[in-house]
């Protein structure tokens, strides 16, 4: 007999799928009904040691929709290799059936229909349940819970509390260590204050005091779990002072610091480590190159680029594990350690289906408690979307199309620029757009929406610079993220070319005229890293636009052409 929850799941799925008129609807419905918590967590154990990895939560406490990218280009040696495989190619590579739960969780294929069938994903109360069950199965003394960073930023409540809501909730999960990236945008004093109060390690082997060139944080820590000595080395995002405002953290320097990592690996082994883990926020391709150049790392738990892969990528005997973002997934890695070395492993990327995994009652109550002072604002409806709103994609995302529309209209600009962040949740056609939804796409500590004059040459230089950050063939020169989103202007990009040659055919969409390198254009944008940037917060700009245009219908964005 159906429980009430099972009945609601089936009824919702039936309504959505029968209305879609798409082939395979019944098979997807039956697939959803067959999902159970036990199946999602099932895994043949291996050895005694278990690593649990979460990363890039971006302050999302509640279940959500998050569409994976339809395009994720790789350049040079990594072209066509995971994670640079999407859609139908991804399904084929990993032998995933179209319309299945994994197809919904891991790709953008048939996304809207599958989202209406399978529902939201994530929620830290569901993650708490998974972690509790893993610890119960394996034993507390055999499990290491590791947080890859980008945890404290990405929502209205995290901004309002300067990250405290996430710190409170994450402390309740009892991680063993974390590293960081967007955490640093709360500024030096706030970051120090939080880290000084953490009941677990904050590891940053690549963060140095900028004046004295001394380590600013603990580089690595040894743990005893599952009868093994496990060294965890922390690696914060190496380009933090470039991708984010340097003036917020003037006392710290960053960098990849490959030599330092190699030295820490040697130190750990010399001190008796049986297993060496790099808890990294480098981004996948950086960590793939790092693994090929530094010996002795058993596992790299990678983050920053928000990739979710159902299997490890093995490089130089190192398992490179990608665990997705926004709380959609959690990775469990079992390691069999014999005679001081890893002899075998088992891995499972666990999708957090919110309607299937039972929420942990204590965690649910804690989440409600930290959100309670802001709940009325969070639920305030600003409009409705008839288009799918998402951010992820190399060149554009519809949520940024909406933001660019708001910048053009509210700031009276000819051209709009929106940064290619990979955080920001998804809304399905027909959903209300709430105050919380807007802030999920805009929440940051330097949100000013500027309005300024830029020459056509400056605009090209900006596009070329961001394009090189994304498509440089050497991963060590890539900073992650996606291309800056552009409103009011079109262009062609050839990612295979070098800097200065990727961008062409820049066109002002309002007139169809070519962008004149010498002419000045009025440009509106947000998230400038320059200190003292003036303008209203971007969320207020979007809210003002929605007050005048409450129903969002976005045309298909064809303004960016891909060449090469």
Protein backbone atom coordinates (compact mmCIF):
# COMPACT_ATOMS: atom_id res chain seq x y z
CA UNK A 1 0.00 0.00 0.00
CA UNK A 2 1.22 3.52 -0.81
CA UNK A 3 2.17 5.79 2.05
CA UNK A 4 0.91 9.38 1.81
CA UNK A 5 4.31 10.49 0.54
CA UNK A 6 4.46 7.75 -2.07
CA UNK A 7 0.95 8.60 -3.21
CA UNK A 8 1.83 12.29 -3.60
CA UNK A 9 5.00 11.40 -5.47
CA UNK A 10 3.11 9.17 -7.87
CA UNK A 11 0.27 11.67 -8.34
CA UNK A 12 2.64 14.53 -9.05
CA UNK A 13 4.68 12.45 -11.46
CA UNK A 14 1.58 11.21 -13.26
CA UNK A 15 0.20 14.72 -13.68
CA UNK A 16 3.48 16.05 -15.03
CA UNK A 17 4.32 13.17 -17.29
CA UNK A 18 0.92 12.53 -18.81
CA UNK A 19 0.74 16.22 -19.63
CA UNK A 20 4.11 16.14 -21.39
CA UNK A 21 3.05 13.80 -24.17
CA UNK A 22 6.60 12.46 -24.39
CA UNK A 23 7.62 8.92 -25.22
CA UNK A 24 8.79 6.93 -22.26
CA UNK A 25 6.64 8.81 -19.74
CA UNK A 26 5.29 5.67 -18.12
CA UNK A 27 8.72 4.11 -17.84
CA UNK A 28 10.03 7.23 -16.08
CA UNK A 29 7.04 7.22 -13.75
CA UNK A 30 7.66 3.60 -12.86
CA UNK A 31 11.34 4.33 -12.37
CA UNK A 32 10.56 7.07 -9.87
CA UNK A 33 8.08 4.94 -7.97
CA UNK A 34 10.71 2.20 -7.64
CA UNK A 35 13.27 4.53 -6.05
CA UNK A 36 13.98 3.89 -2.38
CA UNK A 37 16.40 5.37 0.10
CA UNK A 38 18.05 1.99 0.52
CA UNK A 39 18.67 1.72 -3.22
CA UNK A 40 20.17 5.20 -3.43
CA UNK A 41 22.59 4.40 -0.62
CA UNK A 42 23.31 0.77 -1.49
CA UNK A 43 26.99 -0.03 -1.99
CA UNK A 44 29.14 -3.10 -1.65
CA UNK A 45 31.61 -2.10 1.09
CA UNK A 46 35.33 -2.27 0.63
CA UNK A 47 37.96 -2.29 3.37
CA UNK A 48 37.45 -0.39 6.62
CA UNK A 49 38.10 3.27 5.69
CA UNK A 50 35.39 5.51 4.21
CA UNK A 51 35.73 9.04 2.87
CA UNK A 52 32.59 11.14 2.47
CA UNK A 53 32.89 14.21 0.26
CA UNK A 54 30.58 17.19 -0.20
CA UNK A 55 31.51 20.40 -1.98
CA UNK A 56 30.18 23.60 -3.56
CA UNK A 57 26.96 23.66 -1.55
CA UNK A 58 26.77 27.44 -2.00
CA UNK A 59 24.66 27.96 1.10
CA UNK A 60 21.69 25.94 -0.18
CA UNK A 61 19.96 24.51 2.87
CA UNK A 62 16.72 23.40 1.22
CA UNK A 63 15.87 21.06 -1.67
CA UNK A 64 16.17 22.70 -5.08
CA UNK A 65 16.31 22.31 -8.82
CA UNK A 66 19.73 22.59 -10.47
CA UNK A 67 20.14 21.87 -14.18
CA UNK A 68 23.50 20.50 -15.27
CA UNK A 69 25.10 22.14 -18.34
CA UNK A 70 24.24 21.19 -21.89
CA UNK A 71 27.71 22.29 -23.02
CA UNK A 72 31.01 22.00 -21.14
CA UNK A 73 33.89 22.27 -23.58
CA UNK A 74 37.33 20.86 -22.94
CA UNK A 75 40.38 22.24 -24.72
CA UNK A 76 43.53 20.47 -25.86
CA UNK A 77 44.29 17.11 -24.27
CA UNK A 78 41.06 17.04 -22.23
CA UNK A 79 38.69 17.66 -25.15
CA UNK A 80 35.96 15.02 -25.06
CA UNK A 81 37.10 13.65 -21.70
CA UNK A 82 35.07 13.82 -18.50
CA UNK A 83 33.90 16.23 -17.23
CA UNK A 84 33.77 17.75 -20.73
CA UNK A 85 31.03 15.40 -21.86
CA UNK A 86 27.37 16.35 -21.60
CA UNK A 87 23.85 15.34 -22.60
CA UNK A 88 23.36 12.23 -24.71
CA UNK A 89 27.13 11.72 -24.96
CA UNK A 90 27.36 11.60 -21.17
CA UNK A 91 24.56 9.03 -21.00
CA UNK A 92 26.30 6.88 -23.59
CA UNK A 93 29.71 7.17 -21.93
CA UNK A 94 28.39 5.99 -18.55
CA UNK A 95 25.72 3.61 -19.91
CA UNK A 96 22.89 5.59 -18.29
CA UNK A 97 19.37 5.03 -19.60
CA UNK A 98 17.57 8.13 -20.92
CA UNK A 99 14.77 9.20 -18.61
CA UNK A 100 16.29 7.41 -15.62
CA UNK A 101 16.99 9.01 -12.24
CA UNK A 102 20.69 9.23 -13.06
CA UNK A 103 19.92 10.85 -16.41
CA UNK A 104 17.90 13.53 -14.61
CA UNK A 105 20.46 14.10 -11.88
CA UNK A 106 23.55 14.17 -14.11
CA UNK A 107 22.50 15.79 -17.41
CA UNK A 108 20.24 18.44 -18.93
CA UNK A 109 18.53 15.92 -21.22
CA UNK A 110 14.70 16.19 -21.11
CA UNK A 111 15.26 18.26 -18.00
CA UNK A 112 11.90 19.92 -17.45
CA UNK A 113 9.85 16.74 -17.86
CA UNK A 114 12.20 14.74 -15.64
CA UNK A 115 12.34 17.49 -13.01
CA UNK A 116 8.56 17.41 -12.77
CA UNK A 117 8.73 13.65 -12.40
CA UNK A 118 11.62 13.21 -9.98
CA UNK A 119 11.32 16.48 -8.11
CA UNK A 120 13.85 18.55 -6.23
CA UNK A 121 17.28 17.42 -5.10
CA UNK A 122 19.50 18.24 -2.17
CA UNK A 123 18.64 19.64 1.23
CA UNK A 124 21.09 19.43 4.10
CA UNK A 125 18.56 17.54 6.20
CA UNK A 126 18.60 14.78 3.56
CA UNK A 127 22.39 14.91 3.42
CA UNK A 128 22.40 14.56 7.21
CA UNK A 129 20.39 11.36 6.86
CA UNK A 130 22.85 9.93 4.34
CA UNK A 131 25.86 10.80 6.48
CA UNK A 132 24.22 9.35 9.59
CA UNK A 133 23.48 6.10 7.77
CA UNK A 134 27.01 5.82 6.37
CA UNK A 135 28.47 6.37 9.83
CA UNK A 136 26.11 3.80 11.30
CA UNK A 137 27.02 1.24 8.64
CA UNK A 138 30.78 1.81 8.69
CA UNK A 139 31.33 3.00 12.27
CA UNK A 140 32.16 6.56 13.32
CA UNK A 141 35.82 5.72 13.80
CA UNK A 142 36.11 4.57 10.19
CA UNK A 143 34.61 7.62 8.40
CA UNK A 144 36.13 10.96 7.39
CA UNK A 145 33.66 13.68 6.32
CA UNK A 146 35.39 16.30 4.17
CA UNK A 147 33.95 19.57 2.87
CA UNK A 148 35.51 20.97 -0.31
CA UNK A 149 34.48 24.60 0.24
CA UNK A 150 32.17 27.16 -1.39
CA UNK A 151 29.93 26.35 1.55
CA UNK A 152 29.17 29.66 3.28
CA UNK A 153 28.12 31.77 0.24
CA UNK A 154 25.25 31.74 -2.23
CA UNK A 155 21.96 32.65 -0.53
CA UNK A 156 20.17 35.59 1.06
CA UNK A 157 20.44 34.11 4.55
CA UNK A 158 24.16 33.45 4.20
CA UNK A 159 24.66 37.09 3.21
CA UNK A 160 22.41 38.34 6.01
CA UNK A 161 24.26 36.31 8.65
CA UNK A 162 27.75 36.66 7.12
CA UNK A 163 27.82 32.91 6.66
CA UNK A 164 26.71 32.03 10.19
CA UNK A 165 23.63 30.09 9.08
CA UNK A 166 25.84 27.71 7.11
CA UNK A 167 28.46 27.48 9.83
CA UNK A 168 25.80 26.51 12.37
CA UNK A 169 24.26 23.85 10.15
CA UNK A 170 27.55 22.44 8.89
CA UNK A 171 28.90 22.18 12.43
CA UNK A 172 25.95 19.93 13.20
CA UNK A 173 27.08 17.57 10.42
CA UNK A 174 30.43 17.22 12.22
CA UNK A 175 32.87 17.35 9.32
CA UNK A 176 36.51 16.59 9.95
CA UNK A 177 38.00 19.24 7.66
CA UNK A 178 37.21 21.81 4.98
CA UNK A 179 38.93 24.20 2.61
CA UNK A 180 37.57 27.29 0.90
CA UNK A 181 37.03 29.81 -1.88
CA UNK A 182 33.96 32.08 -1.77
CA UNK A 183 34.25 31.92 2.01
CA UNK A 184 37.03 34.50 1.72
CA UNK A 185 34.69 37.12 0.25
CA UNK A 186 33.36 37.79 3.73
CA UNK A 187 36.70 39.49 4.36
CA UNK A 188 39.76 38.73 6.44
CA UNK A 189 38.32 39.58 9.85
CA UNK A 190 35.10 37.60 9.42
CA UNK A 191 36.89 34.58 7.97
CA UNK A 192 39.35 34.54 10.86
CA UNK A 193 36.51 34.87 13.35
CA UNK A 194 34.64 31.90 11.90
CA UNK A 195 37.68 29.68 11.48
CA UNK A 196 38.85 30.36 15.04
CA UNK A 197 35.52 28.99 16.26
CA UNK A 198 35.26 25.90 14.06
CA UNK A 199 35.24 22.54 15.87
CA UNK A 200 37.13 20.98 12.95
CA UNK A 201 40.12 21.81 10.75
CA UNK A 202 40.21 24.51 8.10
CA UNK A 203 43.03 23.44 5.77
CA UNK A 204 44.75 25.72 3.26
CA UNK A 205 48.21 24.55 2.28
CA UNK A 206 48.45 27.16 -0.49
CA UNK A 207 47.46 30.24 1.56
CA UNK A 208 50.32 32.39 2.82
CA UNK A 209 50.71 35.60 4.78
CA UNK A 210 51.34 38.09 1.98
CA UNK A 211 53.83 40.16 4.00
CA UNK A 212 55.88 37.47 5.71
CA UNK A 213 55.41 34.64 3.17
CA UNK A 214 54.52 32.23 5.97
CA UNK A 215 51.65 29.72 6.06
CA UNK A 216 48.41 31.45 7.05
CA UNK A 217 46.50 28.25 7.86
CA UNK A 218 47.12 24.66 8.77
CA UNK A 219 48.30 22.90 5.62
CA UNK A 220 47.39 19.32 6.45
CA UNK A 221 46.28 17.10 9.26
CA UNK A 222 46.67 13.42 10.10
CA UNK A 223 43.64 11.34 11.08
CA UNK A 224 43.33 7.74 12.25
CA UNK A 225 40.34 6.07 10.68
CA UNK A 226 39.56 2.49 9.73
CA UNK A 227 42.84 1.29 11.16
CA UNK A 228 44.79 3.58 8.82
CA UNK A 229 46.65 6.87 9.15
CA UNK A 230 45.08 9.30 6.70
CA UNK A 231 46.75 12.60 5.78
CA UNK A 232 44.36 15.26 4.45
CA UNK A 233 45.98 18.20 2.65
CA UNK A 234 43.81 21.28 2.06
CA UNK A 235 43.98 23.26 -1.19
CA UNK A 236 41.94 26.47 -1.39
CA UNK A 237 41.02 28.04 -4.73
CA UNK A 238 44.38 29.26 -6.06
CA UNK A 239 43.07 32.31 -7.93
CA UNK A 240 40.91 33.77 -5.16
CA UNK A 241 42.55 37.24 -5.18
CA UNK A 242 42.10 37.46 -8.97
CA UNK A 243 38.63 36.01 -9.43
CA UNK A 244 37.38 37.82 -6.30
CA UNK A 245 38.30 41.18 -4.77
CA UNK A 246 41.87 41.28 -3.54
CA UNK A 247 41.02 44.21 -1.26
CA UNK A 248 38.82 41.91 0.84
CA UNK A 249 41.77 39.67 1.74
CA UNK A 250 44.87 41.86 1.32
CA UNK A 251 46.92 39.94 3.89
CA UNK A 252 46.84 36.57 2.11
CA UNK A 253 48.39 35.22 -1.06
CA UNK A 254 47.27 32.09 -2.88
CA UNK A 255 48.39 30.01 -5.88
CA UNK A 256 48.53 26.39 -7.04
CA UNK A 257 51.90 25.86 -5.32
CA UNK A 258 52.50 22.41 -6.76
CA UNK A 259 55.89 22.16 -5.06
CA UNK A 260 54.30 22.76 -1.67
CA UNK A 261 51.76 20.00 -2.22
CA UNK A 262 54.51 17.58 -3.22
CA UNK A 263 56.44 18.53 -0.08
CA UNK A 264 53.39 17.99 2.12
CA UNK A 265 52.83 14.57 0.53
CA UNK A 266 56.41 13.63 1.39
CA UNK A 267 56.01 14.97 4.95
CA UNK A 268 52.82 12.98 5.46
CA UNK A 269 54.36 9.76 4.18
CA UNK A 270 57.42 10.33 6.32
CA UNK A 271 55.16 10.71 9.35
CA UNK A 272 53.51 7.37 8.64
CA UNK A 273 50.53 8.19 6.41
CA UNK A 274 49.00 5.11 4.82
CA UNK A 275 46.62 7.23 2.71
CA UNK A 276 47.12 10.74 1.30
CA UNK A 277 44.05 12.77 0.37
CA UNK A 278 44.05 16.18 -1.31
CA UNK A 279 40.90 18.11 -0.35
CA UNK A 280 40.94 20.51 -3.25
CA UNK A 281 39.13 23.53 -4.63
CA UNK A 282 41.37 23.77 -7.69
CA UNK A 283 38.82 22.73 -10.31
CA UNK A 284 38.77 19.41 -12.14
CA UNK A 285 41.26 20.02 -14.95
CA UNK A 286 43.78 21.63 -12.59
CA UNK A 287 43.55 18.62 -10.30
CA UNK A 288 43.87 16.22 -13.23
CA UNK A 289 47.14 17.92 -14.25
CA UNK A 290 48.31 18.08 -10.63
CA UNK A 291 47.72 14.35 -10.20
CA UNK A 292 49.85 13.66 -13.28
CA UNK A 293 52.75 15.65 -11.83
CA UNK A 294 52.72 14.90 -8.10
CA UNK A 295 53.26 11.32 -6.97
CA UNK A 296 51.89 9.79 -3.80
CA UNK A 297 48.38 11.24 -3.68
CA UNK A 298 45.84 8.43 -3.32
CA UNK A 299 42.64 10.49 -3.67
CA UNK A 300 41.89 14.01 -4.88
CA UNK A 301 38.48 15.23 -3.78
CA UNK A 302 38.02 18.00 -6.33
CA UNK A 303 35.70 21.00 -6.29
CA UNK A 304 35.11 24.48 -7.72
CA UNK A 305 34.02 23.54 -11.26
CA UNK A 306 30.81 21.86 -10.02
CA UNK A 307 31.33 18.66 -12.00
CA UNK A 308 29.45 15.52 -11.00
CA UNK A 309 30.91 12.23 -12.25
CA UNK A 310 29.56 8.76 -11.45
CA UNK A 311 33.05 7.23 -11.65
CA UNK A 312 36.49 8.40 -10.54
CA UNK A 313 38.99 9.51 -13.17
CA UNK A 314 42.26 7.73 -12.45
CA UNK A 315 45.48 9.67 -13.12
CA UNK A 316 48.93 8.45 -12.02
CA UNK A 317 47.26 5.98 -9.61
CA UNK A 318 45.29 8.85 -8.06
CA UNK A 319 41.50 8.71 -7.84
CA UNK A 320 40.07 12.09 -8.86
CA UNK A 321 36.55 12.35 -7.40
CA UNK A 322 34.00 14.99 -8.51
CA UNK A 323 30.93 15.33 -6.26
CA UNK A 324 28.79 17.98 -7.97
CA UNK A 325 27.34 21.07 -6.33
CA UNK A 326 24.42 22.64 -4.49
CA UNK A 327 23.93 19.58 -2.29
CA UNK A 328 22.70 17.45 -5.22
CA UNK A 329 25.24 14.71 -4.54
CA UNK A 330 27.48 13.20 -1.91
CA UNK A 331 30.42 10.92 -2.69
CA UNK A 332 31.28 7.87 -0.64
CA UNK A 333 34.69 6.27 -1.21
CA UNK A 334 35.63 3.05 0.59
CA UNK A 335 39.33 2.23 0.69
CA UNK A 336 40.98 -1.09 1.50
CA UNK A 337 44.34 -0.31 3.06
CA UNK A 338 46.87 -3.11 3.45
CA UNK A 339 50.52 -2.84 4.55
CA UNK A 340 50.49 0.96 4.40
CA UNK A 341 48.95 1.42 0.98
CA UNK A 342 45.58 1.49 -0.77
CA UNK A 343 45.01 -1.84 -2.49
CA UNK A 344 41.44 -1.40 -3.76
CA UNK A 345 38.49 0.96 -3.57
CA UNK A 346 34.75 1.27 -4.04
CA UNK A 347 33.00 4.51 -5.00
CA UNK A 348 29.42 5.74 -5.16
CA UNK A 349 28.12 9.16 -6.19
CA UNK A 350 24.89 9.32 -4.20
CA UNK A 351 22.15 11.50 -5.74
CA UNK A 352 20.14 13.30 -3.06
CA UNK A 353 16.57 12.84 -4.29
CA UNK A 354 14.62 14.96 -1.84
CA UNK A 355 11.35 13.05 -2.15
CA UNK A 356 13.06 9.71 -1.56
CA UNK A 357 15.56 10.34 1.23
CA UNK A 358 13.98 10.89 4.63
CA UNK A 359 14.94 14.26 6.14
CA UNK A 360 16.78 14.13 9.43
CA UNK A 361 14.36 15.64 11.96
CA UNK A 362 16.97 17.43 14.07
CA UNK A 363 18.64 18.93 11.03
CA UNK A 364 15.29 20.00 9.56
CA UNK A 365 14.48 21.81 12.79
CA UNK A 366 17.88 23.51 12.85
CA UNK A 367 17.53 24.66 9.24
CA UNK A 368 14.08 26.07 9.97
CA UNK A 369 15.49 27.83 13.03
CA UNK A 370 18.31 29.62 11.18
CA UNK A 371 15.94 30.63 8.36
CA UNK A 372 13.02 31.71 10.55
CA UNK A 373 13.95 35.41 10.92
CA UNK A 374 14.00 35.77 7.11
CA UNK A 375 11.19 33.44 6.03
CA UNK A 376 8.66 36.13 5.16
CA UNK A 377 11.12 37.84 2.82
CA UNK A 378 12.32 34.57 1.33
CA UNK A 379 8.82 33.54 0.29
CA UNK A 380 7.81 36.89 -1.20
CA UNK A 381 6.72 36.37 -4.83
CA UNK A 382 8.25 38.79 -7.34
CA UNK A 383 6.97 37.28 -10.57
CA UNK A 384 6.50 34.07 -12.53
CA UNK A 385 8.59 32.46 -15.23
CA UNK A 386 7.23 30.77 -18.33
CA UNK A 387 10.79 29.90 -19.36
CA UNK A 388 13.26 27.50 -17.77
CA UNK A 389 15.64 29.64 -15.72
CA UNK A 390 19.10 28.19 -15.18
CA UNK A 391 22.68 29.44 -15.04
CA UNK A 392 25.08 26.65 -15.98
CA UNK A 393 26.49 26.60 -19.50
CA UNK A 394 29.76 27.70 -21.04
CA UNK A 395 28.35 30.73 -22.88
CA UNK A 396 24.94 31.70 -21.55
CA UNK A 397 22.26 30.80 -19.05
CA UNK A 398 18.67 31.98 -19.01
CA UNK A 399 18.83 33.33 -15.46
CA UNK A 400 21.66 35.58 -16.61
CA UNK A 401 19.61 36.52 -19.67
CA UNK A 402 16.99 37.79 -17.20
CA UNK A 403 19.66 39.62 -15.19
CA UNK A 404 21.03 41.21 -18.36
CA UNK A 405 17.52 42.34 -19.34
CA UNK A 406 17.19 43.96 -15.92
CA UNK A 407 20.55 45.70 -16.25
CA UNK A 408 19.72 47.03 -19.72
CA UNK A 409 16.34 48.41 -18.70
CA UNK A 410 16.89 49.53 -15.12
CA UNK A 411 20.36 51.00 -15.68
CA UNK A 412 19.57 52.45 -19.13
CA UNK A 413 22.48 50.71 -20.81
CA UNK A 414 23.32 49.58 -24.35
CA UNK A 415 25.22 46.49 -23.24
CA UNK A 416 25.01 44.37 -20.08
CA UNK A 417 27.59 42.05 -18.52
CA UNK A 418 26.79 39.30 -16.00
CA UNK A 419 29.59 37.14 -14.55
CA UNK A 420 29.69 33.46 -15.48
CA UNK A 421 29.34 32.08 -11.98
CA UNK A 422 28.48 28.38 -11.79
CA UNK A 423 26.30 28.81 -8.71
CA UNK A 424 22.63 29.77 -8.88
CA UNK A 425 19.59 27.50 -8.73
CA UNK A 426 17.06 26.58 -11.44
CA UNK A 427 13.37 27.43 -11.85
CA UNK A 428 10.96 25.40 -13.97
CA UNK A 429 8.46 26.94 -16.40
CA UNK A 430 5.34 27.96 -14.50
CA UNK A 431 7.11 28.49 -11.16
CA UNK A 432 6.85 31.65 -9.13
CA UNK A 433 10.03 33.71 -8.86
CA UNK A 434 10.56 34.50 -5.20
CA UNK A 435 12.82 36.91 -3.39
CA UNK A 436 14.89 33.87 -2.36
CA UNK A 437 15.23 32.68 -5.97
CA UNK A 438 16.63 36.02 -7.09
CA UNK A 439 19.14 36.06 -4.24
CA UNK A 440 20.17 32.48 -5.00
CA UNK A 441 21.43 33.88 -8.31
CA UNK A 442 22.84 37.16 -6.94
CA UNK A 443 23.93 36.62 -3.32
CA UNK A 444 27.38 38.04 -2.76
CA UNK A 445 29.25 40.65 -0.72
CA UNK A 446 30.13 42.94 -3.66
CA UNK A 447 26.81 43.15 -5.54
CA UNK A 448 26.90 46.74 -6.85
CA UNK A 449 25.38 47.11 -10.33
CA UNK A 450 27.69 49.61 -12.02
CA UNK A 451 26.98 51.79 -15.06
CA UNK A 452 29.97 53.03 -17.03
CA UNK A 453 31.35 53.80 -20.48
CA UNK A 454 33.53 51.21 -22.21
CA UNK A 455 35.08 51.32 -25.64
CA UNK A 456 34.47 48.51 -28.07
CA UNK A 457 38.12 47.53 -27.67
CA UNK A 458 37.72 47.29 -23.89
CA UNK A 459 34.70 45.02 -24.33
CA UNK A 460 36.70 42.76 -26.65
CA UNK A 461 39.59 42.69 -24.19
CA UNK A 462 37.21 41.64 -21.40
CA UNK A 463 35.77 38.80 -23.49
CA UNK A 464 39.24 37.69 -24.56
CA UNK A 465 40.52 37.70 -20.99
CA UNK A 466 37.58 35.70 -19.62
CA UNK A 467 37.79 33.33 -22.61
CA UNK A 468 41.44 32.64 -21.82
CA UNK A 469 40.59 31.95 -18.18
CA UNK A 470 38.16 29.31 -19.40
CA UNK A 471 39.83 27.90 -22.54
CA UNK A 472 43.57 28.20 -22.00
CA UNK A 473 44.98 24.80 -23.05
CA UNK A 474 47.12 24.70 -19.90
CA UNK A 475 44.78 23.93 -16.98
CA UNK A 476 47.08 25.77 -14.58
CA UNK A 477 46.02 29.01 -16.28
CA UNK A 478 42.30 28.26 -16.04
CA UNK A 479 40.27 29.89 -13.28
CA UNK A 480 37.04 27.92 -13.65
CA UNK A 481 33.64 29.48 -14.13
CA UNK A 482 31.97 30.15 -17.47
CA UNK A 483 32.07 32.97 -20.01
CA UNK A 484 30.81 36.36 -18.93
CA UNK A 485 27.19 36.63 -20.06
CA UNK A 486 26.39 39.48 -22.45
CA UNK A 487 23.14 41.35 -23.05
CA UNK A 488 22.56 43.71 -25.96
CA UNK A 489 25.59 42.41 -27.85
CA UNK A 490 26.43 39.30 -29.86
CA UNK A 491 29.79 37.79 -30.79
CA UNK A 492 31.52 34.71 -32.18
CA UNK A 493 34.04 32.74 -30.14
CA UNK A 494 36.59 30.17 -31.26
CA UNK A 495 37.84 28.48 -28.07
CA UNK A 496 40.61 26.67 -29.99
CA UNK A 497 42.46 29.91 -30.75
CA UNK A 498 44.81 31.83 -28.47
CA UNK A 499 44.13 34.96 -26.43
CA UNK A 500 43.39 37.98 -28.58
CA UNK A 501 42.08 35.81 -31.43
CA UNK A 502 39.09 34.00 -29.91
CA UNK A 503 36.49 36.78 -30.17
CA UNK A 504 35.13 38.18 -33.45
CA UNK A 505 31.96 39.53 -35.08
CA UNK A 506 30.96 41.65 -32.07
CA UNK A 507 27.58 43.21 -32.86
CA UNK A 508 25.28 45.70 -31.13
CA UNK A 509 21.97 43.84 -31.23
CA UNK A 510 19.75 46.93 -31.08
CA UNK A 511 21.05 48.22 -34.43
CA UNK A 512 22.83 45.25 -36.01
CA UNK A 513 25.97 47.36 -36.32
CA UNK A 514 29.45 46.02 -35.73
CA UNK A 515 30.97 47.09 -32.42
CA UNK A 516 33.37 49.97 -33.10
CA UNK A 517 36.63 49.49 -31.16
CA UNK A 518 36.99 53.27 -30.75
CA UNK A 519 33.42 54.12 -29.78
CA UNK A 520 32.26 54.28 -26.15
CA UNK A 521 29.18 52.26 -25.15
CA UNK A 522 27.13 52.54 -21.98
CA UNK A 523 27.65 49.25 -20.14
CA UNK A 524 25.93 47.97 -17.01
CA UNK A 525 27.19 45.03 -15.03
CA UNK A 526 27.75 43.71 -11.53
CA UNK A 527 30.26 41.87 -9.33
CA UNK A 528 33.18 44.15 -10.16
CA UNK A 529 36.27 43.25 -8.14
CA UNK A 530 37.25 46.93 -7.95
CA UNK A 531 36.98 48.55 -4.53
CA UNK A 532 34.51 51.42 -4.28
CA UNK A 533 32.29 50.30 -7.16
CA UNK A 534 29.05 52.26 -6.98
CA UNK A 535 25.52 51.23 -7.89
CA UNK A 536 22.44 49.53 -6.44
CA UNK A 537 22.69 45.87 -5.40
CA UNK A 538 22.00 43.60 -8.37
CA UNK A 539 19.13 41.84 -6.56
CA UNK A 540 17.33 45.17 -6.23
CA UNK A 541 17.85 45.83 -9.94
CA UNK A 542 16.31 42.46 -10.84
CA UNK A 543 13.44 42.98 -8.40
CA UNK A 544 12.67 46.40 -9.91
CA UNK A 545 12.66 44.87 -13.39
CA UNK A 546 10.31 42.10 -12.30
CA UNK A 547 7.92 44.61 -10.74
CA UNK A 548 7.42 46.02 -14.25
CA UNK A 549 7.73 42.70 -16.09
CA UNK A 550 6.30 40.09 -13.70
CA UNK A 551 5.91 37.33 -16.29
CA UNK A 552 9.26 36.17 -17.67
CA UNK A 553 9.31 34.79 -21.20
CA UNK A 554 12.79 34.60 -22.66
CA UNK A 555 13.57 34.12 -26.37
CA UNK A 556 16.13 31.51 -27.33
CA UNK A 557 19.51 33.20 -26.94
CA UNK A 558 21.39 32.96 -30.24
CA UNK A 559 23.71 35.92 -29.65
CA UNK A 560 26.85 33.82 -29.06
CA UNK A 561 28.13 31.84 -32.03
CA UNK A 562 30.61 29.00 -31.56
CA UNK A 563 33.33 28.56 -34.18
CA UNK A 564 36.27 26.22 -34.55
